Amino acid sequence: MSEESLPDGWHESDVDLNVTERYNPRSPILYESEERDVSVQIVPYGQNVSHGDPDRWRVALRRGTTLDPGRAEAATEVEGRDAAMAVARDLMAAYDEHGDVSEARDAVR
């Protein structure tokens, strides 16, 4: 997903190397709100491609950022990285509209 396709006020963040190494070879992606203490995380479902579905992803809207991680409050699983990125964009936009993690999750369902 390019920065240009993200809702205003969101940017891609550096992912904690411990998380990246744990999920390799499919790297997770983290997006953070510039104005609020909330982030959207895209991670592979399962820790290893050989043990899990190689194209299944978990998308989570969570309170907190990479510097102050919080608990994932709204997660969904989808097939395909492109679909995961679309859900992530929808969660970002819904959070911007509603300002609440639970309401954003419900709006995207």
PDB file of N, CA and C in Angstrom:
ATOM      1  N   MET A   1       0.869  -1.156   0.000  1.00  0.00           N
ATOM      2  CA  MET A   1       0.000   0.000   0.000  1.00  0.00           C
ATOM      3  C   MET A   1       0.912   1.214   0.000  1.00  0.00           C
ATOM      4  N   SER A   2       0.675   2.171  -0.849  1.00  0.00           N
ATOM      5  CA  SER A   2       1.507   3.358  -0.873  1.00  0.00           C
ATOM      6  C   SER A   2       0.958   4.386   0.102  1.00  0.00           C
ATOM      7  N   GLU A   3       1.838   5.291   0.544  1.00  0.00           N
ATOM      8  CA  GLU A   3       1.431   6.356   1.447  1.00  0.00           C
ATOM      9  C   GLU A   3       0.313   7.184   0.827  1.00  0.00           C
ATOM     10  N   GLU A   4       0.330   7.342  -0.494  1.00  0.00           N
ATOM     11  CA  GLU A   4      -0.665   8.153  -1.171  1.00  0.00           C
ATOM     12  C   GLU A   4      -2.061   7.557  -1.061  1.00  0.00           C
ATOM     13  N   SER A   5      -2.176   6.251  -0.890  1.00  0.00           N
ATOM     14  CA  SER A   5      -3.492   5.625  -0.839  1.00  0.00           C
ATOM     15  C   SER A   5      -4.038   5.521   0.583  1.00  0.00           C
ATOM     16  N   LEU A   6      -3.290   5.974   1.575  1.00  0.00           N
ATOM     17  CA  LEU A   6      -3.760   5.937   2.954  1.00  0.00           C
ATOM     18  C   LEU A   6      -4.673   7.122   3.235  1.00  0.00           C
ATOM     19  N   PRO A   7      -5.621   6.955   4.148  1.00  0.00           N
ATOM     20  CA  PRO A   7      -6.413   8.121   4.554  1.00  0.00           C
ATOM     21  C   PRO A   7      -5.497   9.197   5.138  1.00  0.00           C
ATOM     22  N   ASP A   8      -5.898  10.448   5.025  1.00  0.00           N
ATOM     23  CA  ASP A   8      -5.112  11.550   5.581  1.00  0.00           C
ATOM     24  C   ASP A   8      -4.831  11.305   7.057  1.00  0.00           C
ATOM     25  N   GLY A   9      -3.625  11.616   7.478  1.00  0.00           N
ATOM     26  CA  GLY A   9      -3.261  11.491   8.881  1.00  0.00           C
ATOM     27  C   GLY A   9      -2.719  10.129   9.279  1.00  0.00           C
ATOM     28  N   TRP A  10      -2.489   9.234   8.319  1.00  0.00           N
ATOM     29  CA  TRP A  10      -1.949   7.906   8.612  1.00  0.00           C
ATOM     30  C   TRP A  10      -0.643   7.732   7.856  1.00  0.00           C
ATOM     31  N   HIS A  11       0.296   6.982   8.447  1.00  0.00           N
ATOM     32  CA  HIS A  11       1.573   6.696   7.789  1.00  0.00           C
ATOM     33  C   HIS A  11       2.039   5.295   8.174  1.00  0.00           C
ATOM     34  N   GLU A  12       2.891   4.731   7.315  1.00  0.00           N
ATOM     35  CA  GLU A  12       3.457   3.429   7.635  1.00  0.00           C
ATOM     36  C   GLU A  12       4.542   3.631   8.679  1.00  0.00           C
ATOM     37  N   SER A  13       4.582   2.744   9.645  1.00  0.00           N
ATOM     38  CA  SER A  13       5.538   2.836  10.738  1.00  0.00           C
ATOM     39  C   SER A  13       6.553   1.710  10.628  1.00  0.00           C
ATOM     40  N   ASP A  14       7.697   1.921  11.225  1.00  0.00           N
ATOM     41  CA  ASP A  14       8.673   0.845  11.306  1.00  0.00           C
ATOM     42  C   ASP A  14       8.107  -0.252  12.196  1.00  0.00           C
ATOM     43  N   VAL A  15       8.304  -1.477  11.783  1.00  0.00           N
ATOM     44  CA  VAL A  15       7.816  -2.618  12.543  1.00  0.00           C
ATOM     45  C   VAL A  15       8.928  -3.107  13.461  1.00  0.00           C
ATOM     46  N   ASP A  16       8.578  -3.448  14.663  1.00  0.00           N
ATOM     47  CA  ASP A  16       9.529  -3.993  15.630  1.00  0.00           C
ATOM     48  C   ASP A  16      10.211  -5.217  15.021  1.00  0.00           C
ATOM     49  N   LEU A  17      11.537  -5.243  15.007  1.00  0.00           N
ATOM     50  CA  LEU A  17      12.274  -6.345  14.393  1.00  0.00           C
ATOM     51  C   LEU A  17      11.947  -7.689  15.034  1.00  0.00           C
ATOM     52  N   ASN A  18      11.648  -7.697  16.330  1.00  0.00           N
ATOM     53  CA  ASN A  18      11.270  -8.958  16.977  1.00  0.00           C
ATOM     54  C   ASN A  18       9.992  -9.515  16.370  1.00  0.00           C
ATOM     55  N   VAL A  19       9.050  -8.638  16.036  1.00  0.00           N
ATOM     56  CA  VAL A  19       7.803  -9.078  15.409  1.00  0.00           C
ATOM     57  C   VAL A  19       8.091  -9.545  13.990  1.00  0.00           C
ATOM     58  N   THR A  20       8.884  -8.779  13.249  1.00  0.00           N
ATOM     59  CA  THR A  20       9.195  -9.125  11.866  1.00  0.00           C
ATOM     60  C   THR A  20       9.861 -10.486  11.783  1.00  0.00           C
ATOM     61  N   GLU A  21      10.859 -10.720  12.609  1.00  0.00           N
ATOM     62  CA  GLU A  21      11.568 -11.995  12.573  1.00  0.00           C
ATOM     63  C   GLU A  21      10.657 -13.148  12.971  1.00  0.00           C
ATOM     64  N   ARG A  22       9.737 -12.893  13.878  1.00  0.00           N
ATOM     65  CA  ARG A  22       8.829 -13.938  14.333  1.00  0.00           C
ATOM     66  C   ARG A  22       7.886 -14.384  13.218  1.00  0.00           C
ATOM     67  N   TYR A  23       7.510 -13.468  12.341  1.00  0.00           N
ATOM     68  CA  TYR A  23       6.530 -13.773  11.301  1.00  0.00           C
ATOM     69  C   TYR A  23       7.139 -14.014   9.929  1.00  0.00           C
ATOM     70  N   ASN A  24       8.428 -13.906   9.786  1.00  0.00           N
ATOM     71  CA  ASN A  24       9.043 -14.110   8.476  1.00  0.00           C
ATOM     72  C   ASN A  24       8.626 -15.437   7.891  1.00  0.00           C
ATOM     73  N   PRO A  25       8.551 -15.582   6.591  1.00  0.00           N
ATOM     74  CA  PRO A  25       9.034 -14.663   5.571  1.00  0.00           C
ATOM     75  C   PRO A  25       8.004 -13.647   5.092  1.00  0.00           C
ATOM     76  N   ARG A  26       6.837 -13.625   5.658  1.00  0.00           N
ATOM     77  CA  ARG A  26       5.827 -12.641   5.260  1.00  0.00           C
ATOM     78  C   ARG A  26       5.822 -11.529   6.289  1.00  0.00           C
ATOM     79  N   SER A  27       6.414 -10.418   5.960  1.00  0.00           N
ATOM     80  CA  SER A  27       6.579  -9.326   6.925  1.00  0.00           C
ATOM     81  C   SER A  27       5.267  -8.652   7.274  1.00  0.00           C
ATOM     82  N   PRO A  28       5.067  -8.353   8.556  1.00  0.00           N
ATOM     83  CA  PRO A  28       3.892  -7.586   8.963  1.00  0.00           C
ATOM     84  C   PRO A  28       4.041  -6.121   8.542  1.00  0.00           C
ATOM     85  N   ILE A  29       2.944  -5.414   8.542  1.00  0.00           N
ATOM     86  CA  ILE A  29       2.929  -3.991   8.207  1.00  0.00           C
ATOM     87  C   ILE A  29       2.173  -3.286   9.320  1.00  0.00           C
ATOM     88  N   LEU A  30       2.656  -2.114   9.717  1.00  0.00           N
ATOM     89  CA  LEU A  30       2.002  -1.348  10.762  1.00  0.00           C
ATOM     90  C   LEU A  30       1.780   0.071  10.266  1.00  0.00           C
ATOM     91  N   TYR A  31       0.565   0.566  10.441  1.00  0.00           N
ATOM     92  CA  TYR A  31       0.221   1.942  10.110  1.00  0.00           C
ATOM     93  C   TYR A  31      -0.220   2.635  11.382  1.00  0.00           C
ATOM     94  N   GLU A  32       0.233   3.883  11.567  1.00  0.00           N
ATOM     95  CA  GLU A  32      -0.124   4.639  12.759  1.00  0.00           C
ATOM     96  C   GLU A  32      -0.835   5.922  12.380  1.00  0.00           C
ATOM     97  N   SER A  33      -1.759   6.317  13.238  1.00  0.00           N
ATOM     98  CA  SER A  33      -2.406   7.606  13.078  1.00  0.00           C
ATOM     99  C   SER A  33      -1.436   8.676  13.546  1.00  0.00           C
ATOM    100  N   GLU A  34      -1.373   9.776  12.812  1.00  0.00           N
ATOM    101  CA  GLU A  34      -0.481  10.867  13.201  1.00  0.00           C
ATOM    102  C   GLU A  34      -1.074  11.703  14.330  1.00  0.00           C
ATOM    103  N   GLU A  35      -2.390  11.650  14.489  1.00  0.00           N
ATOM    104  CA  GLU A  35      -3.057  12.516  15.455  1.00  0.00           C
ATOM    105  C   GLU A  35      -3.559  11.788  16.690  1.00  0.00           C
ATOM    106  N   ARG A  36      -3.691  10.468  16.606  1.00  0.00           N
ATOM    107  CA  ARG A  36      -4.273   9.710  17.710  1.00  0.00           C
ATOM    108  C   ARG A  36      -3.374   8.543  18.082  1.00  0.00           C
ATOM    109  N   ASP A  37      -3.589   8.024  19.261  1.00  0.00           N
ATOM    110  CA  ASP A  37      -2.818   6.895  19.767  1.00  0.00           C
ATOM    111  C   ASP A  37      -3.478   5.586  19.342  1.00  0.00           C
ATOM    112  N   VAL A  38      -3.456   5.325  18.019  1.00  0.00           N
ATOM    113  CA  VAL A  38      -4.094   4.138  17.473  1.00  0.00           C
ATOM    114  C   VAL A  38      -3.304   3.685  16.251  1.00  0.00           C
ATOM    115  N   SER A  39      -3.326   2.386  15.982  1.00  0.00           N
ATOM    116  CA  SER A  39      -2.595   1.854  14.834  1.00  0.00           C
ATOM    117  C   SER A  39      -3.376   0.701  14.215  1.00  0.00           C
ATOM    118  N   VAL A  40      -3.028   0.404  12.974  1.00  0.00           N
ATOM    119  CA  VAL A  40      -3.598  -0.730  12.257  1.00  0.00           C
ATOM    120  C   VAL A  40      -2.439  -1.646  11.897  1.00  0.00           C
ATOM    121  N   GLN A  41      -2.571  -2.915  12.200  1.00  0.00           N
ATOM    122  CA  GLN A  41      -1.503  -3.883  11.975  1.00  0.00           C
ATOM    123  C   GLN A  41      -1.995  -4.983  11.036  1.00  0.00           C
ATOM    124  N   ILE A  42      -1.162  -5.321  10.063  1.00  0.00           N
ATOM    125  CA  ILE A  42      -1.428  -6.436   9.160  1.00  0.00           C
ATOM    126  C   ILE A  42      -0.342  -7.472   9.414  1.00  0.00           C
ATOM    127  N   VAL A  43      -0.735  -8.643   9.875  1.00  0.00           N
ATOM    128  CA  VAL A  43       0.243  -9.696  10.161  1.00  0.00           C
ATOM    129  C   VAL A  43      -0.193 -10.999   9.504  1.00  0.00           C
ATOM    130  N   PRO A  44       0.767 -11.814   9.098  1.00  0.00           N
ATOM    131  CA  PRO A  44       0.406 -13.121   8.536  1.00  0.00           C
ATOM    132  C   PRO A  44      -0.287 -13.970   9.592  1.00  0.00           C
ATOM    133  N   TYR A  45      -1.248 -14.758   9.152  1.00  0.00           N
ATOM    134  CA  TYR A  45      -1.915 -15.678  10.057  1.00  0.00           C
ATOM    135  C   TYR A  45      -1.013 -16.899  10.196  1.00  0.00           C
ATOM    136  N   GLY A  46      -0.570 -17.162  11.370  1.00  0.00           N
ATOM    137  CA  GLY A  46       0.379 -18.245  11.602  1.00  0.00           C
ATOM    138  C   GLY A  46       1.792 -17.696  11.516  1.00  0.00           C
ATOM    139  N   GLN A  47       2.703 -18.370  12.138  1.00  0.00           N
ATOM    140  CA  GLN A  47       4.073 -17.860  12.219  1.00  0.00           C
ATOM    141  C   GLN A  47       4.958 -18.323  11.082  1.00  0.00           C
ATOM    142  N   ASN A  48       4.551 -19.348  10.368  1.00  0.00           N
ATOM    143  CA  ASN A  48       5.428 -19.878   9.342  1.00  0.00           C
ATOM    144  C   ASN A  48       4.583 -20.351   8.171  1.00  0.00           C
ATOM    145  N   VAL A  49       4.986 -19.991   6.969  1.00  0.00           N
ATOM    146  CA  VAL A  49       4.211 -20.362   5.785  1.00  0.00           C
ATOM    147  C   VAL A  49       4.004 -21.867   5.696  1.00  0.00           C
ATOM    148  N   SER A  50       5.016 -22.629   6.045  1.00  0.00           N
ATOM    149  CA  SER A  50       4.886 -24.079   5.912  1.00  0.00           C
ATOM    150  C   SER A  50       3.894 -24.671   6.902  1.00  0.00           C
ATOM    151  N   HIS A  51       3.589 -23.937   7.974  1.00  0.00           N
ATOM    152  CA  HIS A  51       2.662 -24.447   8.977  1.00  0.00           C
ATOM    153  C   HIS A  51       1.280 -23.818   8.899  1.00  0.00           C
ATOM    154  N   GLY A  52       1.133 -22.793   8.112  1.00  0.00           N
ATOM    155  CA  GLY A  52      -0.153 -22.115   8.049  1.00  0.00           C
ATOM    156  C   GLY A  52      -0.549 -21.840   6.618  1.00  0.00           C
ATOM    157  N   ASP A  53      -1.698 -21.229   6.455  1.00  0.00           N
ATOM    158  CA  ASP A  53      -2.168 -20.838   5.137  1.00  0.00           C
ATOM    159  C   ASP A  53      -1.256 -19.727   4.630  1.00  0.00           C
ATOM    160  N   PRO A  54      -0.589 -19.901   3.506  1.00  0.00           N
ATOM    161  CA  PRO A  54       0.399 -18.927   3.060  1.00  0.00           C
ATOM    162  C   PRO A  54      -0.177 -17.591   2.617  1.00  0.00           C
ATOM    163  N   ASP A  55      -1.486 -17.497   2.460  1.00  0.00           N
ATOM    164  CA  ASP A  55      -2.036 -16.228   2.007  1.00  0.00           C
ATOM    165  C   ASP A  55      -3.182 -15.760   2.903  1.00  0.00           C
ATOM    166  N   ARG A  56      -3.105 -16.079   4.167  1.00  0.00           N
ATOM    167  CA  ARG A  56      -4.114 -15.659   5.148  1.00  0.00           C
ATOM    168  C   ARG A  56      -3.482 -14.591   6.039  1.00  0.00           C
ATOM    169  N   TRP A  57      -4.214 -13.506   6.257  1.00  0.00           N
ATOM    170  CA  TRP A  57      -3.691 -12.365   7.011  1.00  0.00           C
ATOM    171  C   TRP A  57      -4.675 -11.945   8.098  1.00  0.00           C
ATOM    172  N   ARG A  58      -4.144 -11.433   9.190  1.00  0.00           N
ATOM    173  CA  ARG A  58      -4.954 -10.876  10.276  1.00  0.00           C
ATOM    174  C   ARG A  58      -4.749  -9.356  10.264  1.00  0.00           C
ATOM    175  N   VAL A  59      -5.858  -8.642  10.275  1.00  0.00           N
ATOM    176  CA  VAL A  59      -5.818  -7.181  10.301  1.00  0.00           C
ATOM    177  C   VAL A  59      -6.415  -6.737  11.627  1.00  0.00           C
ATOM    178  N   ALA A  60      -5.669  -5.918  12.366  1.00  0.00           N
ATOM    179  CA  ALA A  60      -6.116  -5.495  13.691  1.00  0.00           C
ATOM    180  C   ALA A  60      -6.028  -3.990  13.837  1.00  0.00           C
ATOM    181  N   LEU A  61      -7.064  -3.410  14.389  1.00  0.00           N
ATOM    182  CA  LEU A  61      -7.071  -2.007  14.789  1.00  0.00           C
ATOM    183  C   LEU A  61      -6.791  -2.029  16.282  1.00  0.00           C
ATOM    184  N   ARG A  62      -5.793  -1.298  16.711  1.00  0.00           N
ATOM    185  CA  ARG A  62      -5.431  -1.373  18.128  1.00  0.00           C
ATOM    186  C   ARG A  62      -5.132  -0.007  18.703  1.00  0.00           C
ATOM    187  N   ARG A  63      -5.404   0.111  19.964  1.00  0.00           N
ATOM    188  CA  ARG A  63      -5.010   1.312  20.683  1.00  0.00           C
ATOM    189  C   ARG A  63      -3.511   1.202  20.914  1.00  0.00           C
ATOM    190  N   GLY A  64      -2.793   2.296  20.760  1.00  0.00           N
ATOM    191  CA  GLY A  64      -1.362   2.293  20.970  1.00  0.00           C
ATOM    192  C   GLY A  64      -0.605   2.360  19.655  1.00  0.00           C
ATOM    193  N   THR A  65       0.692   2.632  19.762  1.00  0.00           N
ATOM    194  CA  THR A  65       1.570   2.757  18.604  1.00  0.00           C
ATOM    195  C   THR A  65       2.758   1.831  18.801  1.00  0.00           C
ATOM    196  N   THR A  66       3.728   1.892  17.887  1.00  0.00           N
ATOM    197  CA  THR A  66       4.910   1.042  18.047  1.00  0.00           C
ATOM    198  C   THR A  66       5.684   1.411  19.301  1.00  0.00           C
ATOM    199  N   LEU A  67       5.672   2.679  19.682  1.00  0.00           N
ATOM    200  CA  LEU A  67       6.391   3.094  20.884  1.00  0.00           C
ATOM    201  C   LEU A  67       5.622   2.746  22.158  1.00  0.00           C
ATOM    202  N   ASP A  68       4.317   2.660  22.043  1.00  0.00           N
ATOM    203  CA  ASP A  68       3.464   2.358  23.189  1.00  0.00           C
ATOM    204  C   ASP A  68       2.389   1.376  22.743  1.00  0.00           C
ATOM    205  N   PRO A  69       2.786   0.114  22.504  1.00  0.00           N
ATOM    206  CA  PRO A  69       1.827  -0.843  21.941  1.00  0.00           C
ATOM    207  C   PRO A  69       0.677  -1.148  22.892  1.00  0.00           C
ATOM    208  N   GLY A  70      -0.481  -1.284  22.308  1.00  0.00           N
ATOM    209  CA  GLY A  70      -1.668  -1.642  23.073  1.00  0.00           C
ATOM    210  C   GLY A  70      -2.226  -2.951  22.582  1.00  0.00           C
ATOM    211  N   ARG A  71      -3.323  -3.333  23.140  1.00  0.00           N
ATOM    212  CA  ARG A  71      -3.976  -4.586  22.784  1.00  0.00           C
ATOM    213  C   ARG A  71      -4.798  -4.410  21.512  1.00  0.00           C
ATOM    214  N   ALA A  72      -4.765  -5.407  20.657  1.00  0.00           N
ATOM    215  CA  ALA A  72      -5.600  -5.388  19.454  1.00  0.00           C
ATOM    216  C   ALA A  72      -7.056  -5.493  19.881  1.00  0.00           C
ATOM    217  N   GLU A  73      -7.846  -4.533  19.472  1.00  0.00           N
ATOM    218  CA  GLU A  73      -9.250  -4.485  19.867  1.00  0.00           C
ATOM    219  C   GLU A  73     -10.176  -5.007  18.782  1.00  0.00           C
ATOM    220  N   ALA A  74      -9.738  -4.905  17.541  1.00  0.00           N
ATOM    221  CA  ALA A  74     -10.613  -5.289  16.443  1.00  0.00           C
ATOM    222  C   ALA A  74      -9.787  -6.009  15.398  1.00  0.00           C
ATOM    223  N   ALA A  75      -9.976  -7.298  15.283  1.00  0.00           N
ATOM    224  CA  ALA A  75      -9.175  -8.066  14.336  1.00  0.00           C
ATOM    225  C   ALA A  75     -10.083  -8.880  13.432  1.00  0.00           C
ATOM    226  N   THR A  76      -9.629  -9.053  12.201  1.00  0.00           N
ATOM    227  CA  THR A  76     -10.338  -9.898  11.252  1.00  0.00           C
ATOM    228  C   THR A  76      -9.308 -10.655  10.437  1.00  0.00           C
ATOM    229  N   GLU A  77      -9.684 -11.784   9.918  1.00  0.00           N
ATOM    230  CA  GLU A  77      -8.782 -12.565   9.075  1.00  0.00           C
ATOM    231  C   GLU A  77      -9.309 -12.543   7.652  1.00  0.00           C
ATOM    232  N   VAL A  78      -8.384 -12.384   6.695  1.00  0.00           N
ATOM    233  CA  VAL A  78      -8.781 -12.316   5.289  1.00  0.00           C
ATOM    234  C   VAL A  78      -7.812 -13.120   4.438  1.00  0.00           C
ATOM    235  N   GLU A  79      -8.271 -13.490   3.256  1.00  0.00           N
ATOM    236  CA  GLU A  79      -7.436 -14.176   2.271  1.00  0.00           C
ATOM    237  C   GLU A  79      -6.774 -13.131   1.390  1.00  0.00           C
ATOM    238  N   GLY A  80      -5.476 -13.174   1.275  1.00  0.00           N
ATOM    239  CA  GLY A  80      -4.738 -12.322   0.357  1.00  0.00           C
ATOM    240  C   GLY A  80      -4.264 -11.017   0.967  1.00  0.00           C
ATOM    241  N   ARG A  81      -3.035 -10.670   0.636  1.00  0.00           N
ATOM    242  CA  ARG A  81      -2.432  -9.440   1.150  1.00  0.00           C
ATOM    243  C   ARG A  81      -3.174  -8.198   0.648  1.00  0.00           C
ATOM    244  N   ASP A  82      -3.602  -8.198  -0.612  1.00  0.00           N
ATOM    245  CA  ASP A  82      -4.332  -7.042  -1.134  1.00  0.00           C
ATOM    246  C   ASP A  82      -5.638  -6.826  -0.380  1.00  0.00           C
ATOM    247  N   ALA A  83      -6.333  -7.917  -0.077  1.00  0.00           N
ATOM    248  CA  ALA A  83      -7.575  -7.813   0.692  1.00  0.00           C
ATOM    249  C   ALA A  83      -7.292  -7.294   2.095  1.00  0.00           C
ATOM    250  N   ALA A  84      -6.188  -7.736   2.698  1.00  0.00           N
ATOM    251  CA  ALA A  84      -5.809  -7.256   4.034  1.00  0.00           C
ATOM    252  C   ALA A  84      -5.536  -5.760   4.009  1.00  0.00           C
ATOM    253  N   MET A  85      -4.883  -5.301   2.968  1.00  0.00           N
ATOM    254  CA  MET A  85      -4.596  -3.873   2.872  1.00  0.00           C
ATOM    255  C   MET A  85      -5.871  -3.066   2.663  1.00  0.00           C
ATOM    256  N   ALA A  86      -6.820  -3.614   1.919  1.00  0.00           N
ATOM    257  CA  ALA A  86      -8.100  -2.929   1.724  1.00  0.00           C
ATOM    258  C   ALA A  86      -8.851  -2.817   3.055  1.00  0.00           C
ATOM    259  N   VAL A  87      -8.854  -3.898   3.840  1.00  0.00           N
ATOM    260  CA  VAL A  87      -9.502  -3.861   5.154  1.00  0.00           C
ATOM    261  C   VAL A  87      -8.798  -2.852   6.052  1.00  0.00           C
ATOM    262  N   ALA A  88      -7.472  -2.801   5.998  1.00  0.00           N
ATOM    263  CA  ALA A  88      -6.713  -1.844   6.811  1.00  0.00           C
ATOM    264  C   ALA A  88      -7.111  -0.411   6.456  1.00  0.00           C
ATOM    265  N   ARG A  89      -7.200  -0.106   5.164  1.00  0.00           N
ATOM    266  CA  ARG A  89      -7.616   1.240   4.738  1.00  0.00           C
ATOM    267  C   ARG A  89      -9.026   1.552   5.241  1.00  0.00           C
ATOM    268  N   ASP A  90      -9.923   0.563   5.141  1.00  0.00           N
ATOM    269  CA  ASP A  90     -11.296   0.767   5.617  1.00  0.00           C
ATOM    270  C   ASP A  90     -11.323   1.026   7.123  1.00  0.00           C
ATOM    271  N   LEU A  91     -10.511   0.285   7.881  1.00  0.00           N
ATOM    272  CA  LEU A  91     -10.451   0.504   9.331  1.00  0.00           C
ATOM    273  C   LEU A  91      -9.919   1.890   9.668  1.00  0.00           C
ATOM    274  N   MET A  92      -8.887   2.336   8.946  1.00  0.00           N
ATOM    275  CA  MET A  92      -8.337   3.677   9.175  1.00  0.00           C
ATOM    276  C   MET A  92      -9.411   4.744   8.922  1.00  0.00           C
ATOM    277  N   ALA A  93     -10.091   4.635   7.783  1.00  0.00           N
ATOM    278  CA  ALA A  93     -11.123   5.612   7.436  1.00  0.00           C
ATOM    279  C   ALA A  93     -12.273   5.577   8.445  1.00  0.00           C
ATOM    280  N   ALA A  94     -12.673   4.378   8.850  1.00  0.00           N
ATOM    281  CA  ALA A  94     -13.767   4.255   9.816  1.00  0.00           C
ATOM    282  C   ALA A  94     -13.361   4.829  11.167  1.00  0.00           C
ATOM    283  N   TYR A  95     -12.112   4.618  11.567  1.00  0.00           N
ATOM    284  CA  TYR A  95     -11.660   5.184  12.837  1.00  0.00           C
ATOM    285  C   TYR A  95     -11.647   6.704  12.747  1.00  0.00           C
ATOM    286  N   ASP A  96     -11.179   7.238  11.615  1.00  0.00           N
ATOM    287  CA  ASP A  96     -11.184   8.689  11.442  1.00  0.00           C
ATOM    288  C   ASP A  96     -12.602   9.249  11.528  1.00  0.00           C
ATOM    289  N   GLU A  97     -13.555   8.517  10.985  1.00  0.00           N
ATOM    290  CA  GLU A  97     -14.947   8.978  10.994  1.00  0.00           C
ATOM    291  C   GLU A  97     -15.577   8.882  12.376  1.00  0.00           C
ATOM    292  N   HIS A  98     -15.358   7.756  13.062  1.00  0.00           N
ATOM    293  CA  HIS A  98     -16.039   7.506  14.332  1.00  0.00           C
ATOM    294  C   HIS A  98     -15.219   7.878  15.566  1.00  0.00           C
ATOM    295  N   GLY A  99     -13.885   7.859  15.454  1.00  0.00           N
ATOM    296  CA  GLY A  99     -13.033   8.203  16.587  1.00  0.00           C
ATOM    297  C   GLY A  99     -13.040   7.181  17.698  1.00  0.00           C
ATOM    298  N   ASP A 100     -13.503   5.974  17.400  1.00  0.00           N
ATOM    299  CA  ASP A 100     -13.609   4.944  18.421  1.00  0.00           C
ATOM    300  C   ASP A 100     -13.280   3.598  17.778  1.00  0.00           C
ATOM    301  N   VAL A 101     -12.455   2.793  18.455  1.00  0.00           N
ATOM    302  CA  VAL A 101     -12.027   1.508  17.912  1.00  0.00           C
ATOM    303  C   VAL A 101     -13.203   0.567  17.690  1.00  0.00           C
ATOM    304  N   SER A 102     -14.075   0.442  18.679  1.00  0.00           N
ATOM    305  CA  SER A 102     -15.215  -0.474  18.559  1.00  0.00           C
ATOM    306  C   SER A 102     -16.169  -0.044  17.454  1.00  0.00           C
ATOM    307  N   GLU A 103     -16.447   1.240  17.361  1.00  0.00           N
ATOM    308  CA  GLU A 103     -17.345   1.729  16.324  1.00  0.00           C
ATOM    309  C   GLU A 103     -16.720   1.559  14.937  1.00  0.00           C
ATOM    310  N   ALA A 104     -15.424   1.759  14.828  1.00  0.00           N
ATOM    311  CA  ALA A 104     -14.743   1.557  13.547  1.00  0.00           C
ATOM    312  C   ALA A 104     -14.833   0.092  13.129  1.00  0.00           C
ATOM    313  N   ARG A 105     -14.585  -0.805  14.062  1.00  0.00           N
ATOM    314  CA  ARG A 105     -14.683  -2.235  13.776  1.00  0.00           C
ATOM    315  C   ARG A 105     -16.083  -2.606  13.298  1.00  0.00           C
ATOM    316  N   ASP A 106     -17.102  -2.106  14.001  1.00  0.00           N
ATOM    317  CA  ASP A 106     -18.486  -2.414  13.631  1.00  0.00           C
ATOM    318  C   ASP A 106     -18.838  -1.843  12.262  1.00  0.00           C
ATOM    319  N   ALA A 107     -18.308  -0.687  11.932  1.00  0.00           N
ATOM    320  CA  ALA A 107     -18.598  -0.052  10.638  1.00  0.00           C
ATOM    321  C   ALA A 107     -17.988  -0.841   9.478  1.00  0.00           C
ATOM    322  N   VAL A 108     -16.864  -1.510   9.727  1.00  0.00           N
ATOM    323  CA  VAL A 108     -16.173  -2.232   8.664  1.00  0.00           C
ATOM    324  C   VAL A 108     -16.735  -3.634   8.496  1.00  0.00           C
ATOM    325  N   ARG A 109     -17.326  -4.182   9.513  1.00  0.00           N
ATOM    326  CA  ARG A 109     -17.878  -5.552   9.421  1.00  0.00           C
ATOM    327  C   ARG A 109     -18.954  -5.664   8.397  1.00  0.00           C
TER     328      ARG A 109
END
